[in-house]
Amino acid sequence: MNLIFLGPPGAGKGTVAQQVTEKLGVVQISTGDLLRAAVRAGSELGVKAKGYMDAGELVPDDLVIALLKERIARPDCERGAIMDGFPRTIPQAEALEKAEVPVDRVINFNLPDDVIIHRLSGRRVHRSSGAIYSINSDGVPQPGPDVNPDDLYQRDDDKPEAIRNRLVVYRKQTEPLIDFYRQRGLLSDIDAAQPLEGMISDTLAATGSQG
C-alpha cells in the first residue's frame, strides 16, 4: 500500500508517519533523505542529482520520480511506503501517474491557519541535542526541568511571519492536490486538530487497517 500524506506545515504529517509505519509494515520515504542517500551512494541517479544540488538548483521531477521508483522497488517496501514531501504540485502528481507509480490512498491532514501558527511558533530547538520542544502550555513534548530555557532557540522558519509565508506557498502550490486526488476517489480527510492518538487511529482506519 503506497500512501501520500498531504497537509500544511505543522499538521503533524511526519509525526503520524513515524507512528503508523510500524503498524502498517510500510516504509516512510522522504524525498530529501532519498536524494541525500543517492548522492552519498554515488549511484548514476545520485551523481545526476548532485549536479543540480551543487548548483543550487531544484532536482527535476523526473529524476526524483526515478529515485522514488527505484526505492519503492526494494524488498523493504514490499508492503508499501508513505511518500513524505512528494508530490508537492499538480505537475509532480501528474508525472507520478505518468510514471505509473501506484498510489493507493492519500491522507489529507486538515488544520486551521491560526492553529498552525500557534503550534509552529511555539517550537524550540535544543542547541546541543537538536531535540525539538514546545513552549506552548498545550504543546508536546514539553522541555523537562533539566532543560535550561537559555539553551532553546527558535528557528527562523518557525517565526510567525515566516510561517504565514510558508502557508501562502502551500495554499498556492500544494493545496490544489486535494481536489486532484479527491476527483480520483483516493482522498481521506483527517482532523489534525485532535490529539495524536486520534490522528493515528483515523489514519489507520482510512487505510483499511485497525493497527
C-alpha atoms as a PDB file:
ATOM      1  CA  MET A   1       0.000   0.000   0.000  1.00  0.00           C
ATOM      2  CA  ASN A   2       1.549   3.272  -1.158  1.00  0.00           C
ATOM      3  CA  LEU A   3       0.322   6.356   0.690  1.00  0.00           C
ATOM      4  CA  ILE A   4       0.721  10.092   0.198  1.00  0.00           C
ATOM      5  CA  PHE A   5       0.398  12.408   3.199  1.00  0.00           C
ATOM      6  CA  LEU A   6      -0.901  15.893   2.380  1.00  0.00           C
ATOM      7  CA  GLY A   7      -1.349  18.849   4.692  1.00  0.00           C
ATOM      8  CA  PRO A   8       0.067  22.225   5.662  1.00  0.00           C
ATOM      9  CA  PRO A   9       3.284  22.639   7.671  1.00  0.00           C
ATOM     10  CA  GLY A  10       2.677  21.881  11.342  1.00  0.00           C
ATOM     11  CA  ALA A  11      -0.220  19.488  10.697  1.00  0.00           C
ATOM     12  CA  GLY A  12       1.715  16.547  12.168  1.00  0.00           C
ATOM     13  CA  LYS A  13       2.214  14.513   8.972  1.00  0.00           C
ATOM     14  CA  GLY A  14       5.743  13.445   9.880  1.00  0.00           C
ATOM     15  CA  THR A  15       4.814  12.505  13.441  1.00  0.00           C
ATOM     16  CA  VAL A  16       1.868  10.387  12.297  1.00  0.00           C
ATOM     17  CA  ALA A  17       4.007   8.765   9.593  1.00  0.00           C
ATOM     18  CA  GLN A  18       6.589   7.725  12.198  1.00  0.00           C
ATOM     19  CA  GLN A  19       3.844   6.168  14.329  1.00  0.00           C
ATOM     20  CA  VAL A  20       1.965   4.258  11.625  1.00  0.00           C
ATOM     21  CA  THR A  21       4.857   2.843   9.557  1.00  0.00           C
ATOM     22  CA  GLU A  22       5.397   0.001  12.014  1.00  0.00           C
ATOM     23  CA  LYS A  23       1.682  -0.725  12.388  1.00  0.00           C
ATOM     24  CA  LEU A  24       1.206  -0.890   8.608  1.00  0.00           C
ATOM     25  CA  GLY A  25       4.542  -2.532   7.853  1.00  0.00           C
ATOM     26  CA  VAL A  26       5.434   0.219   5.382  1.00  0.00           C
ATOM     27  CA  VAL A  27       8.482   2.459   4.930  1.00  0.00           C
ATOM     28  CA  GLN A  28       8.472   6.252   5.261  1.00  0.00           C
ATOM     29  CA  ILE A  29      10.252   7.783   2.277  1.00  0.00           C
ATOM     30  CA  SER A  30      11.339  11.418   2.455  1.00  0.00           C
ATOM     31  CA  THR A  31      12.435  12.751  -0.921  1.00  0.00           C
ATOM     32  CA  GLY A  32      15.071  14.880   0.812  1.00  0.00           C
ATOM     33  CA  ASP A  33      16.569  11.818   2.520  1.00  0.00           C
ATOM     34  CA  LEU A  34      16.252   9.902  -0.758  1.00  0.00           C
ATOM     35  CA  LEU A  35      18.295  12.498  -2.659  1.00  0.00           C
ATOM     36  CA  ARG A  36      20.971  12.717   0.039  1.00  0.00           C
ATOM     37  CA  ALA A  37      21.299   8.904   0.194  1.00  0.00           C
ATOM     38  CA  ALA A  38      21.615   8.643  -3.599  1.00  0.00           C
ATOM     39  CA  VAL A  39      24.332  11.311  -3.610  1.00  0.00           C
ATOM     40  CA  ARG A  40      26.221   9.515  -0.797  1.00  0.00           C
ATOM     41  CA  ALA A  41      25.941   6.185  -2.625  1.00  0.00           C
ATOM     42  CA  GLY A  42      27.294   7.735  -5.824  1.00  0.00           C
ATOM     43  CA  SER A  43      24.687   5.966  -7.955  1.00  0.00           C
ATOM     44  CA  GLU A  44      24.067   7.081 -11.519  1.00  0.00           C
ATOM     45  CA  LEU A  45      20.909   8.916 -10.444  1.00  0.00           C
ATOM     46  CA  GLY A  46      22.722  10.275  -7.372  1.00  0.00           C
ATOM     47  CA  VAL A  47      25.514  11.757  -9.491  1.00  0.00           C
ATOM     48  CA  LYS A  48      22.922  13.481 -11.689  1.00  0.00           C
ATOM     49  CA  ALA A  49      21.070  14.806  -8.637  1.00  0.00           C
ATOM     50  CA  LYS A  50      24.326  16.064  -7.089  1.00  0.00           C
ATOM     51  CA  GLY A  51      24.994  18.193 -10.165  1.00  0.00           C
ATOM     52  CA  TYR A  52      21.729  20.082  -9.658  1.00  0.00           C
ATOM     53  CA  MET A  53      22.093  20.308  -5.867  1.00  0.00           C
ATOM     54  CA  ASP A  54      25.676  21.620  -6.082  1.00  0.00           C
ATOM     55  CA  ALA A  55      24.488  24.296  -8.499  1.00  0.00           C
ATOM     56  CA  GLY A  56      21.767  25.313  -6.042  1.00  0.00           C
ATOM     57  CA  GLU A  57      19.052  24.208  -8.457  1.00  0.00           C
ATOM     58  CA  LEU A  58      15.947  22.111  -7.842  1.00  0.00           C
ATOM     59  CA  VAL A  59      16.344  18.472  -8.837  1.00  0.00           C
ATOM     60  CA  PRO A  60      13.996  17.836 -11.818  1.00  0.00           C
ATOM     61  CA  ASP A  61      10.772  15.968 -11.078  1.00  0.00           C
ATOM     62  CA  ASP A  62      11.595  13.105 -13.461  1.00  0.00           C
ATOM     63  CA  LEU A  63      14.841  12.448 -11.591  1.00  0.00           C
ATOM     64  CA  VAL A  64      13.090  12.476  -8.192  1.00  0.00           C
ATOM     65  CA  ILE A  65      10.421  10.095  -9.533  1.00  0.00           C
ATOM     66  CA  ALA A  66      13.101   7.759 -10.921  1.00  0.00           C
ATOM     67  CA  LEU A  67      14.671   7.653  -7.449  1.00  0.00           C
ATOM     68  CA  LEU A  68      11.249   7.029  -5.887  1.00  0.00           C
ATOM     69  CA  LYS A  69      10.514   4.139  -8.251  1.00  0.00           C
ATOM     70  CA  GLU A  70      13.919   2.632  -7.516  1.00  0.00           C
ATOM     71  CA  ARG A  71      13.376   2.973  -3.752  1.00  0.00           C
ATOM     72  CA  ILE A  72       9.847   1.550  -3.791  1.00  0.00           C
ATOM     73  CA  ALA A  73      11.091  -1.487  -5.743  1.00  0.00           C
ATOM     74  CA  ARG A  74      13.365  -2.554  -2.857  1.00  0.00           C
ATOM     75  CA  PRO A  75      12.360  -5.538  -0.695  1.00  0.00           C
ATOM     76  CA  ASP A  76      11.693  -3.465   2.457  1.00  0.00           C
ATOM     77  CA  CYS A  77       8.911  -1.641   0.555  1.00  0.00           C
ATOM     78  CA  GLU A  78       7.131  -4.862  -0.322  1.00  0.00           C
ATOM     79  CA  ARG A  79       4.171  -3.869   1.882  1.00  0.00           C
ATOM     80  CA  GLY A  80       4.234  -0.272   0.714  1.00  0.00           C
ATOM     81  CA  ALA A  81       5.537   3.188   1.505  1.00  0.00           C
ATOM     82  CA  ILE A  82       4.470   6.581   2.794  1.00  0.00           C
ATOM     83  CA  MET A  83       5.641   9.327   0.444  1.00  0.00           C
ATOM     84  CA  ASP A  84       6.670  12.293   2.560  1.00  0.00           C
ATOM     85  CA  GLY A  85       7.146  15.616   0.753  1.00  0.00           C
ATOM     86  CA  PHE A  86       6.231  14.427  -2.735  1.00  0.00           C
ATOM     87  CA  PRO A  87       4.262  15.310  -4.748  1.00  0.00           C
ATOM     88  CA  ARG A  88       4.009  18.989  -3.822  1.00  0.00           C
ATOM     89  CA  THR A  89       2.437  20.258  -7.067  1.00  0.00           C
ATOM     90  CA  ILE A  90      -0.090  19.168  -9.697  1.00  0.00           C
ATOM     91  CA  PRO A  91       2.648  18.663 -12.364  1.00  0.00           C
ATOM     92  CA  GLN A  92       4.512  16.376  -9.924  1.00  0.00           C
ATOM     93  CA  ALA A  93       1.336  14.370  -9.248  1.00  0.00           C
ATOM     94  CA  GLU A  94       0.689  14.073 -12.986  1.00  0.00           C
ATOM     95  CA  ALA A  95       4.290  12.972 -13.552  1.00  0.00           C
ATOM     96  CA  LEU A  96       3.864  10.359 -10.809  1.00  0.00           C
ATOM     97  CA  GLU A  97       0.813   8.974 -12.626  1.00  0.00           C
ATOM     98  CA  LYS A  98       2.610   9.001 -15.970  1.00  0.00           C
ATOM     99  CA  ALA A  99       5.484   7.053 -14.410  1.00  0.00           C
ATOM    100  CA  GLU A 100       2.898   4.504 -13.190  1.00  0.00           C
ATOM    101  CA  VAL A 101       3.900   4.818  -9.531  1.00  0.00           C
ATOM    102  CA  PRO A 102       0.862   3.298  -7.765  1.00  0.00           C
ATOM    103  CA  VAL A 103      -0.907   5.424  -5.135  1.00  0.00           C
ATOM    104  CA  ASP A 104      -3.466   3.572  -3.008  1.00  0.00           C
ATOM    105  CA  ARG A 105      -4.581   6.295  -0.597  1.00  0.00           C
ATOM    106  CA  VAL A 106      -3.979   9.991   0.002  1.00  0.00           C
ATOM    107  CA  ILE A 107      -4.344  11.176   3.603  1.00  0.00           C
ATOM    108  CA  ASN A 108      -5.133  14.895   3.893  1.00  0.00           C
ATOM    109  CA  PHE A 109      -4.473  16.458   7.311  1.00  0.00           C
ATOM    110  CA  ASN A 110      -6.705  19.499   7.877  1.00  0.00           C
ATOM    111  CA  LEU A 111      -5.687  22.230  10.321  1.00  0.00           C
ATOM    112  CA  PRO A 112      -6.760  25.917  10.529  1.00  0.00           C
ATOM    113  CA  ASP A 113      -4.062  28.533   9.905  1.00  0.00           C
ATOM    114  CA  ASP A 114      -4.350  30.075  13.389  1.00  0.00           C
ATOM    115  CA  VAL A 115      -3.679  26.676  14.995  1.00  0.00           C
ATOM    116  CA  ILE A 116      -0.718  26.088  12.674  1.00  0.00           C
ATOM    117  CA  ILE A 117       0.841  29.464  13.564  1.00  0.00           C
ATOM    118  CA  HIS A 118       0.277  28.802  17.286  1.00  0.00           C
ATOM    119  CA  ARG A 119       1.843  25.332  17.083  1.00  0.00           C
ATOM    120  CA  LEU A 120       4.884  26.173  14.971  1.00  0.00           C
ATOM    121  CA  SER A 121       5.707  29.490  16.630  1.00  0.00           C
ATOM    122  CA  GLY A 122       5.888  27.634  19.949  1.00  0.00           C
ATOM    123  CA  ARG A 123       8.551  25.208  18.720  1.00  0.00           C
ATOM    124  CA  ARG A 124      12.044  25.492  20.138  1.00  0.00           C
ATOM    125  CA  VAL A 125      15.233  23.574  19.316  1.00  0.00           C
ATOM    126  CA  HIS A 126      17.712  22.424  21.964  1.00  0.00           C
ATOM    127  CA  ARG A 127      21.139  23.736  20.947  1.00  0.00           C
ATOM    128  CA  SER A 128      23.283  20.772  21.929  1.00  0.00           C
ATOM    129  CA  SER A 129      20.970  17.799  21.264  1.00  0.00           C
ATOM    130  CA  GLY A 130      18.818  19.140  18.412  1.00  0.00           C
ATOM    131  CA  ALA A 131      15.710  17.904  20.251  1.00  0.00           C
ATOM    132  CA  ILE A 132      12.516  19.819  19.458  1.00  0.00           C
ATOM    133  CA  TYR A 133      10.233  21.014  22.257  1.00  0.00           C
ATOM    134  CA  SER A 134       7.133  23.175  22.545  1.00  0.00           C
ATOM    135  CA  ILE A 135       6.923  26.102  24.943  1.00  0.00           C
ATOM    136  CA  ASN A 136       3.149  26.297  24.469  1.00  0.00           C
ATOM    137  CA  SER A 137       1.188  25.117  27.506  1.00  0.00           C
ATOM    138  CA  ASP A 138      -0.782  22.749  25.251  1.00  0.00           C
ATOM    139  CA  GLY A 139       2.232  21.675  23.175  1.00  0.00           C
ATOM    140  CA  VAL A 140       4.223  18.440  23.191  1.00  0.00           C
ATOM    141  CA  PRO A 141       6.811  17.494  24.067  1.00  0.00           C
ATOM    142  CA  GLN A 142       7.404  19.954  26.882  1.00  0.00           C
ATOM    143  CA  PRO A 143      11.012  20.666  27.923  1.00  0.00           C
ATOM    144  CA  GLY A 144      11.761  18.873  31.192  1.00  0.00           C
ATOM    145  CA  PRO A 145      13.095  20.521  34.352  1.00  0.00           C
ATOM    146  CA  ASP A 146      16.632  19.545  33.318  1.00  0.00           C
ATOM    147  CA  VAL A 147      16.396  21.645  30.122  1.00  0.00           C
ATOM    148  CA  ASN A 148      17.768  25.172  30.516  1.00  0.00           C
ATOM    149  CA  PRO A 149      15.446  27.652  28.717  1.00  0.00           C
ATOM    150  CA  ASP A 150      18.558  29.576  27.603  1.00  0.00           C
ATOM    151  CA  ASP A 151      19.643  26.510  25.611  1.00  0.00           C
ATOM    152  CA  LEU A 152      16.497  26.638  23.471  1.00  0.00           C
ATOM    153  CA  TYR A 153      16.205  28.719  20.300  1.00  0.00           C
ATOM    154  CA  GLN A 154      13.550  29.436  17.688  1.00  0.00           C
ATOM    155  CA  ARG A 155      14.296  28.599  14.054  1.00  0.00           C
ATOM    156  CA  ASP A 156      13.760  31.451  11.615  1.00  0.00           C
ATOM    157  CA  ASP A 157      11.154  29.454   9.681  1.00  0.00           C
ATOM    158  CA  ASP A 158       9.147  28.959  12.892  1.00  0.00           C
ATOM    159  CA  LYS A 159       8.634  32.697  13.387  1.00  0.00           C
ATOM    160  CA  PRO A 160       5.032  33.824  12.707  1.00  0.00           C
ATOM    161  CA  GLU A 161       5.785  35.876   9.580  1.00  0.00           C
ATOM    162  CA  ALA A 162       7.804  33.030   8.051  1.00  0.00           C
ATOM    163  CA  ILE A 163       5.003  30.567   8.875  1.00  0.00           C
ATOM    164  CA  ARG A 164       2.472  32.809   7.107  1.00  0.00           C
ATOM    165  CA  ASN A 165       4.728  32.863   4.043  1.00  0.00           C
ATOM    166  CA  ARG A 166       5.047  29.057   4.126  1.00  0.00           C
ATOM    167  CA  LEU A 167       1.257  28.793   4.272  1.00  0.00           C
ATOM    168  CA  VAL A 168       0.877  31.093   1.247  1.00  0.00           C
ATOM    169  CA  VAL A 169       3.231  28.814  -0.708  1.00  0.00           C
ATOM    170  CA  TYR A 170       1.349  25.715   0.499  1.00  0.00           C
ATOM    171  CA  ARG A 171      -2.064  27.126  -0.483  1.00  0.00           C
ATOM    172  CA  LYS A 172      -0.791  28.090  -3.922  1.00  0.00           C
ATOM    173  CA  GLN A 173       1.340  25.054  -4.822  1.00  0.00           C
ATOM    174  CA  THR A 174       0.192  22.054  -2.804  1.00  0.00           C
ATOM    175  CA  GLU A 175      -3.433  22.580  -1.739  1.00  0.00           C
ATOM    176  CA  PRO A 176      -4.726  22.027  -5.328  1.00  0.00           C
ATOM    177  CA  LEU A 177      -3.615  18.384  -4.902  1.00  0.00           C
ATOM    178  CA  ILE A 178      -6.562  17.894  -2.514  1.00  0.00           C
ATOM    179  CA  ASP A 179      -9.109  18.221  -5.322  1.00  0.00           C
ATOM    180  CA  PHE A 180      -6.785  16.400  -7.748  1.00  0.00           C
ATOM    181  CA  TYR A 181      -6.830  13.260  -5.586  1.00  0.00           C
ATOM    182  CA  ARG A 182     -10.431  13.707  -4.375  1.00  0.00           C
ATOM    183  CA  GLN A 183     -11.576  13.537  -8.003  1.00  0.00           C
ATOM    184  CA  ARG A 184      -9.725  10.227  -8.308  1.00  0.00           C
ATOM    185  CA  GLY A 185     -11.508   8.820  -5.254  1.00  0.00           C
ATOM    186  CA  LEU A 186      -8.255   8.426  -3.326  1.00  0.00           C
ATOM    187  CA  LEU A 187      -8.573  11.137  -0.658  1.00  0.00           C
ATOM    188  CA  SER A 188      -9.353  10.726   3.040  1.00  0.00           C
ATOM    189  CA  ASP A 189      -9.611  13.814   5.274  1.00  0.00           C
ATOM    190  CA  ILE A 190      -8.178  13.727   8.811  1.00  0.00           C
ATOM    191  CA  ASP A 191      -8.826  16.285  11.561  1.00  0.00           C
ATOM    192  CA  ALA A 192      -5.300  17.316  12.570  1.00  0.00           C
ATOM    193  CA  ALA A 193      -6.548  19.487  15.465  1.00  0.00           C
ATOM    194  CA  GLN A 194      -7.354  16.390  17.531  1.00  0.00           C
ATOM    195  CA  PRO A 195      -4.858  14.624  19.807  1.00  0.00           C
ATOM    196  CA  LEU A 196      -2.173  12.490  18.142  1.00  0.00           C
ATOM    197  CA  GLU A 197      -3.841   9.215  19.158  1.00  0.00           C
ATOM    198  CA  GLY A 198      -6.996  10.201  17.264  1.00  0.00           C
ATOM    199  CA  MET A 199      -4.993  11.200  14.181  1.00  0.00           C
ATOM    200  CA  ILE A 200      -3.226   7.834  14.193  1.00  0.00           C
ATOM    201  CA  SER A 201      -6.491   5.919  14.659  1.00  0.00           C
ATOM    202  CA  ASP A 202      -8.220   7.845  11.850  1.00  0.00           C
ATOM    203  CA  THR A 203      -5.237   7.360   9.540  1.00  0.00           C
ATOM    204  CA  LEU A 204      -5.210   3.609  10.123  1.00  0.00           C
ATOM    205  CA  ALA A 205      -8.984   3.463   9.546  1.00  0.00           C
ATOM    206  CA  ALA A 206      -8.585   5.386   6.264  1.00  0.00           C
ATOM    207  CA  THR A 207      -6.079   2.792   5.061  1.00  0.00           C
ATOM    208  CA  GLY A 208      -8.392  -0.054   5.998  1.00  0.00           C
ATOM    209  CA  SER A 209      -6.217  -1.081   8.936  1.00  0.00           C
ATOM    210  CA  GLN A 210      -7.137  -1.066  12.594  1.00  0.00           C
ATOM    211  CA  GLY A 211      -3.488  -1.365  13.643  1.00  0.00           C
END
